[in-house]
Amino acid sequence: MASQALQVLLCGQCLAFQVHIVKKAKKWECKLCGTKQSVIQVFGTGSGAECRILVQKLNESRHISEAAARRNLTGSEEFNFEENSARQEDQGETQLVESQTLHTGRVSKWDVYLDQDPSTNRLY
């Protein structure tokens, strides 16, 4: 009994390599994100074990290259971005809590959706 022919394909949406059965129709659906697409390039063919090993290697190398690209950001830029965003969040939360306690004497989770100036908070 002959085994099925399998192929390794790359999803254009989530960029994940995966194994699919070779079909006459040149359409396939990503198993991860569900995107329907055409077969553009076949990265490998063979038995199930061969294709699975190839997919693992290709996906691992993709993750490694993405991590290396993230590391290539200068440490100061990455640190400054994180530091600035954390500082802005802290300042915003502090201002919100101060304004809420001044106006109502208590903090409500719904006050986040109201304007900071109480004179502009009108019911229509």
C-alpha atoms as a PDB file:
ATOM      1  CA  MET A   1       0.000   0.000   0.000  1.00  0.00           C
ATOM      2  CA  ALA A   2       1.477   3.334  -1.067  1.00  0.00           C
ATOM      3  CA  SER A   3       1.523   6.168   1.406  1.00  0.00           C
ATOM      4  CA  GLN A   4      -0.023   9.534   0.636  1.00  0.00           C
ATOM      5  CA  ALA A   5       2.129  12.253  -0.870  1.00  0.00           C
ATOM      6  CA  LEU A   6       2.553  15.169   1.521  1.00  0.00           C
ATOM      7  CA  GLN A   7       3.938  18.641   0.972  1.00  0.00           C
ATOM      8  CA  VAL A   8       5.262  21.467   3.149  1.00  0.00           C
ATOM      9  CA  LEU A   9       3.527  24.820   2.629  1.00  0.00           C
ATOM     10  CA  LEU A  10       3.926  28.298   4.141  1.00  0.00           C
ATOM     11  CA  CYS A  11       0.869  30.266   5.235  1.00  0.00           C
ATOM     12  CA  GLY A  12       0.899  33.783   3.855  1.00  0.00           C
ATOM     13  CA  GLN A  13      -1.089  35.128   6.821  1.00  0.00           C
ATOM     14  CA  CYS A  14       0.508  33.655   9.962  1.00  0.00           C
ATOM     15  CA  LEU A  15       3.816  32.676   8.295  1.00  0.00           C
ATOM     16  CA  ALA A  16       3.777  29.167   9.749  1.00  0.00           C
ATOM     17  CA  PHE A  17       5.083  26.168   7.817  1.00  0.00           C
ATOM     18  CA  GLN A  18       2.774  23.149   7.829  1.00  0.00           C
ATOM     19  CA  VAL A  19       2.248  19.739   6.231  1.00  0.00           C
ATOM     20  CA  HIS A  20      -0.664  19.141   3.870  1.00  0.00           C
ATOM     21  CA  ILE A  21      -1.751  16.261   1.624  1.00  0.00           C
ATOM     22  CA  VAL A  22      -1.047  16.801  -2.075  1.00  0.00           C
ATOM     23  CA  LYS A  23      -4.376  17.375  -3.850  1.00  0.00           C
ATOM     24  CA  LYS A  24      -5.404  18.081  -7.420  1.00  0.00           C
ATOM     25  CA  ALA A  25      -6.939  21.380  -6.369  1.00  0.00           C
ATOM     26  CA  LYS A  26      -4.301  24.041  -5.769  1.00  0.00           C
ATOM     27  CA  LYS A  27      -6.187  25.539  -2.820  1.00  0.00           C
ATOM     28  CA  TRP A  28      -5.520  24.862   0.839  1.00  0.00           C
ATOM     29  CA  GLU A  29      -6.573  26.159   4.262  1.00  0.00           C
ATOM     30  CA  CYS A  30      -4.158  27.036   7.053  1.00  0.00           C
ATOM     31  CA  LYS A  31      -4.597  24.786  10.075  1.00  0.00           C
ATOM     32  CA  LEU A  32      -3.623  27.577  12.478  1.00  0.00           C
ATOM     33  CA  CYS A  33      -5.385  30.727  11.274  1.00  0.00           C
ATOM     34  CA  GLY A  34      -7.948  29.231   8.853  1.00  0.00           C
ATOM     35  CA  THR A  35      -6.917  31.387   5.885  1.00  0.00           C
ATOM     36  CA  LYS A  36      -7.850  29.880   2.529  1.00  0.00           C
ATOM     37  CA  GLN A  37      -5.119  30.347  -0.068  1.00  0.00           C
ATOM     38  CA  SER A  38      -3.512  28.983  -3.210  1.00  0.00           C
ATOM     39  CA  VAL A  39      -0.421  26.817  -3.335  1.00  0.00           C
ATOM     40  CA  ILE A  40       2.291  29.271  -4.346  1.00  0.00           C
ATOM     41  CA  GLN A  41       5.461  27.448  -3.346  1.00  0.00           C
ATOM     42  CA  VAL A  42       6.070  23.918  -2.087  1.00  0.00           C
ATOM     43  CA  PHE A  43       8.981  23.828   0.348  1.00  0.00           C
ATOM     44  CA  GLY A  44       9.267  20.049   0.401  1.00  0.00           C
ATOM     45  CA  THR A  45       7.511  16.776  -0.349  1.00  0.00           C
ATOM     46  CA  GLY A  46       7.807  13.291   1.042  1.00  0.00           C
ATOM     47  CA  SER A  47       6.466  10.996   3.710  1.00  0.00           C
ATOM     48  CA  GLY A  48       4.771  12.243   6.847  1.00  0.00           C
ATOM     49  CA  ALA A  49       7.851  11.838   9.032  1.00  0.00           C
ATOM     50  CA  GLU A  50      10.116  13.616   6.543  1.00  0.00           C
ATOM     51  CA  CYS A  51       7.716  16.534   6.127  1.00  0.00           C
ATOM     52  CA  ARG A  52       7.150  16.894   9.885  1.00  0.00           C
ATOM     53  CA  ILE A  53      10.889  17.085  10.536  1.00  0.00           C
ATOM     54  CA  LEU A  54      11.288  19.694   7.790  1.00  0.00           C
ATOM     55  CA  VAL A  55       8.384  21.765   9.165  1.00  0.00           C
ATOM     56  CA  GLN A  56       9.874  21.682  12.662  1.00  0.00           C
ATOM     57  CA  LYS A  57      13.249  22.872  11.376  1.00  0.00           C
ATOM     58  CA  LEU A  58      11.735  25.628   9.216  1.00  0.00           C
ATOM     59  CA  ASN A  59       9.468  26.944  11.984  1.00  0.00           C
ATOM     60  CA  GLU A  60      12.312  26.818  14.517  1.00  0.00           C
ATOM     61  CA  SER A  61      14.647  28.739  12.213  1.00  0.00           C
ATOM     62  CA  ARG A  62      11.895  31.318  11.644  1.00  0.00           C
ATOM     63  CA  HIS A  63      11.471  31.796  15.412  1.00  0.00           C
ATOM     64  CA  ILE A  64      15.221  32.086  15.892  1.00  0.00           C
ATOM     65  CA  SER A  65      15.541  34.725  13.177  1.00  0.00           C
ATOM     66  CA  GLU A  66      12.616  36.703  14.644  1.00  0.00           C
ATOM     67  CA  ALA A  67      14.231  36.617  18.094  1.00  0.00           C
ATOM     68  CA  ALA A  68      17.554  37.744  16.613  1.00  0.00           C
ATOM     69  CA  ALA A  69      15.828  40.615  14.833  1.00  0.00           C
ATOM     70  CA  ARG A  70      14.260  41.700  18.133  1.00  0.00           C
ATOM     71  CA  ARG A  71      17.660  41.513  19.829  1.00  0.00           C
ATOM     72  CA  ASN A  72      19.210  43.688  17.118  1.00  0.00           C
ATOM     73  CA  LEU A  73      17.222  46.627  18.453  1.00  0.00           C
ATOM     74  CA  THR A  74      19.596  48.675  20.505  1.00  0.00           C
ATOM     75  CA  GLY A  75      19.104  48.005  24.164  1.00  0.00           C
ATOM     76  CA  SER A  76      18.651  51.700  24.910  1.00  0.00           C
ATOM     77  CA  GLU A  77      15.818  52.103  22.382  1.00  0.00           C
ATOM     78  CA  GLU A  78      13.978  49.083  23.702  1.00  0.00           C
ATOM     79  CA  PHE A  79      14.554  50.176  27.308  1.00  0.00           C
ATOM     80  CA  ASN A  80      13.463  53.756  26.626  1.00  0.00           C
ATOM     81  CA  PHE A  81      10.297  52.584  24.903  1.00  0.00           C
ATOM     82  CA  GLU A  82       9.357  50.334  27.811  1.00  0.00           C
ATOM     83  CA  GLU A  83      10.323  52.954  30.377  1.00  0.00           C
ATOM     84  CA  ASN A  84       8.359  55.731  28.651  1.00  0.00           C
ATOM     85  CA  SER A  85       5.226  53.637  28.179  1.00  0.00           C
ATOM     86  CA  ALA A  86       5.334  52.505  31.826  1.00  0.00           C
ATOM     87  CA  ARG A  87       5.853  56.098  32.988  1.00  0.00           C
ATOM     88  CA  GLN A  88       2.907  57.328  30.882  1.00  0.00           C
ATOM     89  CA  GLU A  89       0.640  54.594  32.231  1.00  0.00           C
ATOM     90  CA  ASP A  90       1.615  55.417  35.829  1.00  0.00           C
ATOM     91  CA  GLN A  91       1.011  59.147  35.313  1.00  0.00           C
ATOM     92  CA  GLY A  92      -2.358  58.524  33.659  1.00  0.00           C
ATOM     93  CA  GLU A  93      -3.507  56.206  36.425  1.00  0.00           C
ATOM     94  CA  THR A  94      -2.342  58.623  39.121  1.00  0.00           C
ATOM     95  CA  GLN A  95      -4.178  61.551  37.514  1.00  0.00           C
ATOM     96  CA  LEU A  96      -7.316  59.482  37.062  1.00  0.00           C
ATOM     97  CA  VAL A  97      -7.374  58.260  40.664  1.00  0.00           C
ATOM     98  CA  GLU A  98      -6.693  61.776  41.996  1.00  0.00           C
ATOM     99  CA  SER A  99      -9.492  63.316  39.931  1.00  0.00           C
ATOM    100  CA  GLN A 100     -11.937  60.565  40.863  1.00  0.00           C
ATOM    101  CA  THR A 101     -11.277  60.845  44.568  1.00  0.00           C
ATOM    102  CA  LEU A 102     -11.537  64.655  44.469  1.00  0.00           C
ATOM    103  CA  HIS A 103     -14.910  64.671  42.725  1.00  0.00           C
ATOM    104  CA  THR A 104     -16.681  61.683  44.203  1.00  0.00           C
ATOM    105  CA  GLY A 105     -14.673  60.653  47.218  1.00  0.00           C
ATOM    106  CA  ARG A 106     -14.434  57.123  45.773  1.00  0.00           C
ATOM    107  CA  VAL A 107     -12.988  55.394  42.717  1.00  0.00           C
ATOM    108  CA  SER A 108     -15.282  53.792  40.140  1.00  0.00           C
ATOM    109  CA  LYS A 109     -14.204  51.644  37.213  1.00  0.00           C
ATOM    110  CA  TRP A 110     -16.741  53.472  35.030  1.00  0.00           C
ATOM    111  CA  ASP A 111     -15.061  56.842  35.597  1.00  0.00           C
ATOM    112  CA  VAL A 112     -12.454  55.815  33.038  1.00  0.00           C
ATOM    113  CA  TYR A 113     -15.047  56.376  30.309  1.00  0.00           C
ATOM    114  CA  LEU A 114     -15.968  59.876  31.489  1.00  0.00           C
ATOM    115  CA  ASP A 115     -14.199  63.114  30.601  1.00  0.00           C
ATOM    116  CA  GLN A 116     -11.697  64.400  33.138  1.00  0.00           C
ATOM    117  CA  ASP A 117     -13.424  67.807  33.366  1.00  0.00           C
ATOM    118  CA  PRO A 118     -16.628  67.376  35.415  1.00  0.00           C
ATOM    119  CA  SER A 119     -18.272  70.423  33.781  1.00  0.00           C
ATOM    120  CA  THR A 120     -18.323  68.545  30.434  1.00  0.00           C
ATOM    121  CA  ASN A 121     -20.004  65.457  31.865  1.00  0.00           C
ATOM    122  CA  ARG A 122     -23.613  66.043  30.922  1.00  0.00           C
ATOM    123  CA  LEU A 123     -26.494  63.631  30.620  1.00  0.00           C
ATOM    124  CA  TYR A 124     -28.497  63.969  27.410  1.00  0.00           C
END
